Amino acid sequence: MNKPAKTFHIARDSDPGPLRGAVVAIGNFDGVHRGHRAVIGAALSRARKLNRKAAALTFSPHPRVFLRPQDTMFHLSSERSKMRLLATTGLSGAFIMSFNAALATTSKDDFIEKILIGQFGIGGAAIGFDFHFGQKREGTPEYLKERGAKLGFAVDIVAPLEDEGRPVSSGSVRTALSQGRVVEATELLGAPWFVSSEVIHGEKRGRELGFPTANLRLDPSCGLKHGIYAVRVAIDDVRYDGVASFGVRPTFDNGAPLLEVFLFDFDGDLYGQTIDVAFIGWIRQEQKFDGIEALKRQMANDVTQAKSALKRAGKSAFPNLGDI
């Protein structure tokens, strides 16, 4: 296992700072799943051989968001969450490049010579088998490896990774989460999928029902299936078990999607705090109840099922996150 770097340096766009000369793992790293970690592992291995630092080179926004703004893309991780995940991998830091019109129209050769070499002075690169770059995605992994050999840096191309016949990819994770299959998402990611958001004021219905909840608005792009989940929550480095509902509250108002988290063995005021919620198990679909008493009985049953799911998962079931 790679030890986290003591200091995780984040460089934006122009100045690489102490990361200049690093071996770079290049990609979008949405979710930082096991396939991404294989690319990162290749960069770390190359960096050790060369006695250099290793860093991630990623893009903001995701190129697909810039190139196809009409499409809604389910982001697996916010920029901060991505950095927190990357900070635990052993990398010394990350370059975050703005993906804009200038970068989208940069030729494949200029990307290599002006950005990778001129701007960052890279000592090597690790990329996935499907990484493309430059205008119209004309740059291929093989082209980068060939040009790198001529320009003085090695390129490691990481083969596709599968899990029981499923490709380990951000797309596979999105599909799993969109169908409520959070255990499958955990297997692909290597740790439970999580969200990080500020606790906001709600309608206080949970308190009236005997199940007070912490309410969070998730990114509008969130494609998680509406339903009830067993969750684990981190608040100021303390973890709590809980059950959460993500959806539109059909029994009450069919409003905007909201994540409502009921924490076991917790009594406190969380308004305004940012908390991490990891999804451990699927309980059931969101549904409309005929009355409050029927809803309360089902919520009590949800708690019982969530506790069983969390017990099966074990206390260690939570993503490893850095403090960024």
Protein backbone atom coordinates (compact mmCIF):
# COMPACT_ATOMS: atom_id res chain seq x y z
CA MET A 1 0.00 0.00 0.00
CA ASN A 2 1.26 3.46 -0.92
CA LYS A 3 1.62 5.84 2.00
CA PRO A 4 -0.06 9.25 1.66
CA ALA A 5 2.36 12.09 0.94
CA LYS A 6 2.97 14.36 3.93
CA THR A 7 1.92 17.38 1.89
CA PHE A 8 -0.43 17.17 -1.08
CA HIS A 9 0.28 20.12 -3.38
CA ILE A 10 -2.40 21.35 -5.79
CA ALA A 11 -1.23 23.37 -8.81
CA ARG A 12 -3.68 25.09 -11.14
CA ASP A 13 -3.09 25.76 -14.82
CA SER A 14 0.24 27.54 -15.12
CA ASP A 15 2.61 27.23 -12.17
CA PRO A 16 3.55 23.62 -11.32
CA GLY A 17 5.49 24.72 -8.26
CA PRO A 18 7.20 21.83 -6.47
CA LEU A 19 5.51 19.32 -8.79
CA ARG A 20 7.57 20.33 -11.81
CA GLY A 21 9.41 17.30 -13.15
CA ALA A 22 6.98 14.80 -11.63
CA VAL A 23 5.84 11.63 -13.28
CA VAL A 24 2.18 12.29 -14.06
CA ALA A 25 -0.84 10.02 -14.02
CA ILE A 26 -3.13 11.65 -16.58
CA GLY A 27 -6.91 11.35 -16.58
CA ASN A 28 -10.20 12.74 -15.33
CA PHE A 29 -10.25 10.43 -12.29
CA ASP A 30 -13.97 10.90 -11.64
CA GLY A 31 -14.59 8.74 -8.59
CA VAL A 32 -10.94 7.61 -8.36
CA HIS A 33 -11.96 3.99 -8.92
CA ARG A 34 -9.72 0.92 -9.04
CA GLY A 35 -8.89 1.46 -12.72
CA HIS A 36 -7.72 4.99 -11.94
CA ARG A 37 -5.68 3.64 -9.05
CA ALA A 38 -3.94 1.24 -11.42
CA VAL A 39 -2.83 4.21 -13.53
CA ILE A 40 -1.74 6.05 -10.39
CA GLY A 41 0.16 2.95 -9.27
CA ALA A 42 2.05 2.86 -12.57
CA ALA A 43 3.02 6.53 -12.14
CA LEU A 44 4.20 5.91 -8.58
CA SER A 45 6.26 2.91 -9.68
CA ARG A 46 7.92 4.89 -12.48
CA ALA A 47 8.55 7.82 -10.12
CA ARG A 48 10.30 5.57 -7.61
CA LYS A 49 12.61 4.23 -10.32
CA LEU A 50 13.48 7.76 -11.40
CA ASN A 51 13.63 9.18 -7.87
CA ARG A 52 11.00 11.75 -8.79
CA LYS A 53 7.68 12.85 -7.38
CA ALA A 54 4.43 11.54 -8.83
CA ALA A 55 1.34 13.66 -9.42
CA ALA A 56 -2.06 13.47 -11.05
CA LEU A 57 -2.88 15.63 -14.06
CA THR A 58 -6.62 16.15 -14.29
CA PHE A 59 -9.10 18.54 -15.87
CA SER A 60 -11.85 20.86 -14.67
CA PRO A 61 -14.58 20.82 -15.78
CA HIS A 62 -14.73 17.30 -17.15
CA PRO A 63 -14.08 17.59 -20.92
CA ARG A 64 -17.47 16.02 -21.64
CA VAL A 65 -19.19 18.85 -19.75
CA PHE A 66 -17.37 21.47 -21.83
CA LEU A 67 -17.74 19.71 -25.17
CA ARG A 68 -21.36 18.59 -24.70
CA PRO A 69 -22.97 21.15 -22.36
CA GLN A 70 -26.44 20.02 -23.45
CA ASP A 71 -25.87 16.66 -21.77
CA THR A 72 -26.23 16.09 -18.03
CA MET A 73 -23.25 14.25 -16.62
CA PHE A 74 -23.48 12.43 -13.29
CA HIS A 75 -20.32 13.51 -11.43
CA LEU A 76 -19.08 10.79 -9.10
CA SER A 77 -16.92 13.23 -7.17
CA SER A 78 -16.68 16.97 -6.76
CA GLU A 79 -13.29 18.56 -7.34
CA ARG A 80 -12.61 18.69 -3.60
CA SER A 81 -13.71 15.08 -3.10
CA LYS A 82 -11.47 13.99 -5.95
CA MET A 83 -8.50 15.75 -4.39
CA ARG A 84 -9.25 14.17 -1.00
CA LEU A 85 -9.25 10.73 -2.61
CA LEU A 86 -6.07 11.39 -4.63
CA ALA A 87 -4.29 12.66 -1.51
CA THR A 88 -4.44 9.17 0.00
CA THR A 89 -2.82 7.35 -2.92
CA GLY A 90 0.81 8.30 -2.32
CA LEU A 91 0.87 11.03 -4.98
CA SER A 92 2.66 14.24 -4.04
CA GLY A 93 -0.05 16.40 -5.56
CA ALA A 94 -2.21 17.20 -8.56
CA PHE A 95 -2.21 19.54 -11.53
CA ILE A 96 -5.72 20.82 -12.26
CA MET A 97 -6.00 22.16 -15.80
CA SER A 98 -8.94 24.27 -16.88
CA PHE A 99 -10.62 22.54 -19.79
CA ASN A 100 -11.63 25.44 -22.00
CA ALA A 101 -11.72 26.42 -25.67
CA ALA A 102 -7.96 26.96 -25.75
CA LEU A 103 -7.20 23.49 -24.40
CA ALA A 104 -9.91 21.86 -26.53
CA THR A 105 -8.27 23.24 -29.69
CA THR A 106 -4.68 22.48 -28.67
CA SER A 107 -3.06 20.08 -31.14
CA LYS A 108 -1.80 16.74 -29.91
CA ASP A 109 1.82 17.82 -30.46
CA ASP A 110 1.37 21.13 -28.65
CA PHE A 111 -0.22 19.29 -25.75
CA ILE A 112 2.89 17.15 -25.46
CA GLU A 113 5.55 19.74 -26.19
CA LYS A 114 4.08 22.96 -24.77
CA ILE A 115 2.10 21.60 -21.84
CA LEU A 116 3.57 18.28 -20.69
CA ILE A 117 7.18 19.26 -21.37
CA GLY A 118 7.23 23.07 -21.50
CA GLN A 119 4.75 23.82 -18.74
CA PHE A 120 5.15 20.86 -16.39
CA GLY A 121 8.53 19.40 -17.39
CA ILE A 122 7.19 15.91 -16.76
CA GLY A 123 9.57 13.08 -15.96
CA GLY A 124 7.22 10.43 -17.31
CA ALA A 125 3.55 9.63 -17.71
CA ALA A 126 1.05 6.89 -16.96
CA ILE A 127 -2.26 6.74 -18.83
CA GLY A 128 -5.17 4.41 -19.33
CA PHE A 129 -5.59 2.37 -22.50
CA ASP A 130 -8.41 4.68 -23.66
CA PHE A 131 -6.81 8.07 -22.95
CA HIS A 132 -7.03 10.51 -25.86
CA PHE A 133 -5.86 14.10 -26.01
CA GLY A 134 -5.49 17.12 -28.25
CA GLN A 135 -7.90 18.67 -30.72
CA LYS A 136 -10.65 16.22 -31.80
CA ARG A 137 -9.03 13.64 -29.46
CA GLU A 138 -6.48 12.88 -32.16
CA GLY A 139 -3.74 11.92 -29.69
CA THR A 140 -3.76 8.24 -28.76
CA PRO A 141 -1.94 6.34 -26.00
CA GLU A 142 0.38 4.83 -28.57
CA TYR A 143 1.18 8.25 -30.05
CA LEU A 144 2.05 9.67 -26.63
CA LYS A 145 4.29 6.68 -25.91
CA GLU A 146 6.03 7.05 -29.28
CA ARG A 147 6.58 10.81 -28.93
CA GLY A 148 7.65 10.42 -25.33
CA ALA A 149 10.38 7.98 -26.33
CA LYS A 150 11.75 10.53 -28.80
CA LEU A 151 11.44 13.47 -26.40
CA GLY A 152 13.00 11.78 -23.40
CA PHE A 153 10.21 10.54 -21.16
CA ALA A 154 8.66 7.11 -20.72
CA VAL A 155 4.93 6.45 -20.96
CA ASP A 156 3.22 3.53 -19.23
CA ILE A 157 -0.09 2.47 -20.79
CA VAL A 158 -2.31 0.66 -18.31
CA ALA A 159 -4.52 -2.13 -19.67
CA PRO A 160 -8.27 -2.23 -18.96
CA LEU A 161 -9.31 -3.63 -15.60
CA GLU A 162 -12.32 -5.88 -15.12
CA ASP A 163 -14.20 -7.09 -12.07
CA GLU A 164 -16.07 -10.36 -12.63
CA GLY A 165 -16.52 -9.49 -16.29
CA ARG A 166 -17.53 -5.87 -15.65
CA PRO A 167 -15.26 -3.08 -16.88
CA VAL A 168 -13.94 -1.01 -14.00
CA SER A 169 -14.82 2.45 -15.27
CA SER A 170 -16.56 5.62 -14.18
CA GLY A 171 -19.40 4.70 -16.54
CA SER A 172 -19.87 1.34 -14.82
CA VAL A 173 -19.97 3.03 -11.41
CA ARG A 174 -22.54 5.56 -12.63
CA THR A 175 -24.70 2.77 -14.01
CA ALA A 176 -24.52 0.82 -10.75
CA LEU A 177 -25.47 3.86 -8.66
CA SER A 178 -28.29 4.82 -11.02
CA GLN A 179 -29.81 1.39 -10.29
CA GLY A 180 -29.20 1.54 -6.53
CA ARG A 181 -26.52 -1.14 -6.66
CA VAL A 182 -24.21 0.52 -4.14
CA VAL A 183 -22.46 -2.72 -3.16
CA GLU A 184 -21.43 -3.19 -6.79
CA ALA A 185 -20.28 0.43 -6.93
CA THR A 186 -18.16 -0.23 -3.85
CA GLU A 187 -16.52 -3.20 -5.57
CA LEU A 188 -15.68 -1.11 -8.64
CA LEU A 189 -14.45 1.89 -6.67
CA GLY A 190 -12.56 -0.10 -4.06
CA ALA A 191 -14.44 1.73 -1.29
CA PRO A 192 -18.00 2.96 -0.73
CA TRP A 193 -19.17 5.84 -2.88
CA PHE A 194 -19.64 9.01 -0.85
CA VAL A 195 -20.98 12.53 -1.08
CA SER A 196 -19.90 15.59 0.85
CA SER A 197 -22.35 18.43 1.43
CA GLU A 198 -23.54 21.06 3.90
CA VAL A 199 -26.42 20.26 6.23
CA ILE A 200 -29.34 22.57 5.49
CA HIS A 201 -32.66 23.34 7.18
CA GLY A 202 -35.57 21.18 6.06
CA GLU A 203 -39.25 20.94 6.90
CA LYS A 204 -38.51 19.28 10.30
CA ARG A 205 -40.85 16.41 9.38
CA GLY A 206 -38.32 13.79 10.44
CA ARG A 207 -38.19 15.21 13.95
CA GLU A 208 -41.99 15.16 14.15
CA LEU A 209 -41.95 11.51 13.02
CA GLY A 210 -39.36 10.53 15.62
CA PHE A 211 -36.54 10.25 13.08
CA PRO A 212 -34.72 13.63 12.99
CA THR A 213 -32.64 13.94 9.84
CA ALA A 214 -29.68 15.89 8.53
CA ASN A 215 -30.74 17.24 5.14
CA LEU A 216 -28.33 17.70 2.24
CA ARG A 217 -28.75 19.02 -1.29
CA LEU A 218 -26.65 17.01 -3.73
CA ASP A 219 -25.31 18.19 -7.06
CA PRO A 220 -28.18 18.48 -9.57
CA SER A 221 -26.31 16.02 -11.80
CA CYS A 222 -26.51 13.28 -9.16
CA GLY A 223 -27.90 10.15 -10.80
CA LEU A 224 -28.19 8.01 -7.67
CA LYS A 225 -31.41 5.99 -7.68
CA HIS A 226 -34.08 7.38 -5.41
CA GLY A 227 -34.56 5.12 -2.45
CA ILE A 228 -33.53 4.19 1.08
CA TYR A 229 -29.90 3.33 1.90
CA ALA A 230 -27.77 2.13 4.78
CA VAL A 231 -25.10 4.80 5.21
CA ARG A 232 -22.06 5.65 7.25
CA VAL A 233 -21.41 9.31 8.06
CA ALA A 234 -18.23 11.15 9.04
CA ILE A 235 -18.58 14.27 11.21
CA ASP A 236 -15.36 15.88 12.44
CA ASP A 237 -13.46 12.57 12.04
CA VAL A 238 -16.10 10.67 14.05
CA ARG A 239 -18.14 8.05 12.18
CA TYR A 240 -21.78 7.25 12.74
CA ASP A 241 -24.08 4.61 11.29
CA GLY A 242 -27.37 5.68 9.79
CA VAL A 243 -30.12 5.25 7.25
CA ALA A 244 -30.82 7.75 4.48
CA SER A 245 -33.55 8.57 2.03
CA PHE A 246 -32.65 10.14 -1.30
CA GLY A 247 -35.57 11.35 -3.33
CA VAL A 248 -38.56 13.63 -3.67
CA ARG A 249 -40.67 12.66 -0.60
CA PRO A 250 -43.78 11.39 -2.47
CA THR A 251 -45.80 11.03 0.75
CA PHE A 252 -45.50 14.80 1.31
CA ASP A 253 -44.57 17.05 -1.58
CA ASN A 254 -42.68 15.47 -4.51
CA GLY A 255 -40.20 18.34 -4.23
CA ALA A 256 -36.62 18.74 -5.40
CA PRO A 257 -34.38 15.70 -4.65
CA LEU A 258 -32.99 15.78 -1.12
CA LEU A 259 -30.76 13.46 0.89
CA GLU A 260 -32.21 12.99 4.39
CA VAL A 261 -29.93 11.17 6.83
CA PHE A 262 -31.05 9.73 10.17
CA LEU A 263 -28.02 9.07 12.37
CA PHE A 264 -28.09 6.35 14.99
CA ASP A 265 -26.81 7.31 18.44
CA PHE A 266 -26.36 10.98 17.62
CA ASP A 267 -27.92 14.05 19.20
CA GLY A 268 -26.63 17.40 18.09
CA ASP A 269 -26.99 20.41 15.80
CA LEU A 270 -25.36 19.89 12.38
CA TYR A 271 -26.78 22.89 10.52
CA GLY A 272 -24.12 24.56 8.42
CA GLN A 273 -21.61 21.73 8.84
CA THR A 274 -20.24 19.80 5.88
CA ILE A 275 -20.45 16.06 6.40
CA ASP A 276 -19.42 12.98 4.39
CA VAL A 277 -22.06 10.34 3.69
CA ALA A 278 -20.94 6.93 2.37
CA PHE A 279 -23.51 4.59 0.82
CA ILE A 280 -23.12 1.06 2.19
CA GLY A 281 -26.28 -0.85 1.27
CA TRP A 282 -29.59 -0.61 -0.59
CA ILE A 283 -32.76 -1.02 1.49
CA ARG A 284 -35.75 -0.29 -0.77
CA GLN A 285 -37.27 2.02 -3.33
CA GLU A 286 -38.83 5.33 -2.39
CA GLN A 287 -42.61 5.00 -2.12
CA LYS A 288 -45.76 6.91 -1.20
CA PHE A 289 -47.55 5.88 1.99
CA ASP A 290 -51.26 6.21 2.77
CA GLY A 291 -50.64 7.79 6.14
CA ILE A 292 -48.09 8.89 8.71
CA GLU A 293 -48.41 5.77 10.87
CA ALA A 294 -47.66 3.48 7.92
CA LEU A 295 -44.63 5.60 7.09
CA LYS A 296 -43.38 5.49 10.70
CA ARG A 297 -43.68 1.68 10.80
CA GLN A 298 -41.73 1.40 7.56
CA MET A 299 -39.04 3.80 8.80
CA ALA A 300 -38.56 1.67 11.91
CA ASN A 301 -38.15 -1.36 9.66
CA ASP A 302 -35.68 0.57 7.48
CA VAL A 303 -33.57 1.27 10.57
CA THR A 304 -33.47 -2.43 11.43
CA GLN A 305 -32.46 -3.40 7.90
CA ALA A 306 -29.85 -0.67 7.73
CA LYS A 307 -28.26 -1.81 10.98
CA SER A 308 -28.03 -5.36 9.61
CA ALA A 309 -26.45 -4.15 6.35
CA LEU A 310 -23.91 -2.03 8.22
CA LYS A 311 -23.03 -4.91 10.53
CA ARG A 312 -22.39 -7.14 7.49
CA ALA A 313 -20.21 -4.45 5.90
CA GLY A 314 -18.01 -4.12 8.99
CA LYS A 315 -16.85 -1.00 10.78
CA SER A 316 -14.06 -0.34 8.28
CA ALA A 317 -16.47 0.28 5.40
CA PHE A 318 -15.72 3.92 4.61
CA PRO A 319 -13.59 5.64 1.95
CA ASN A 320 -10.07 6.70 2.89
CA LEU A 321 -10.07 10.50 2.57
CA GLY A 322 -7.35 13.12 2.88
CA ASP A 323 -7.83 16.53 4.48
CA ILE A 324 -7.81 19.04 1.62
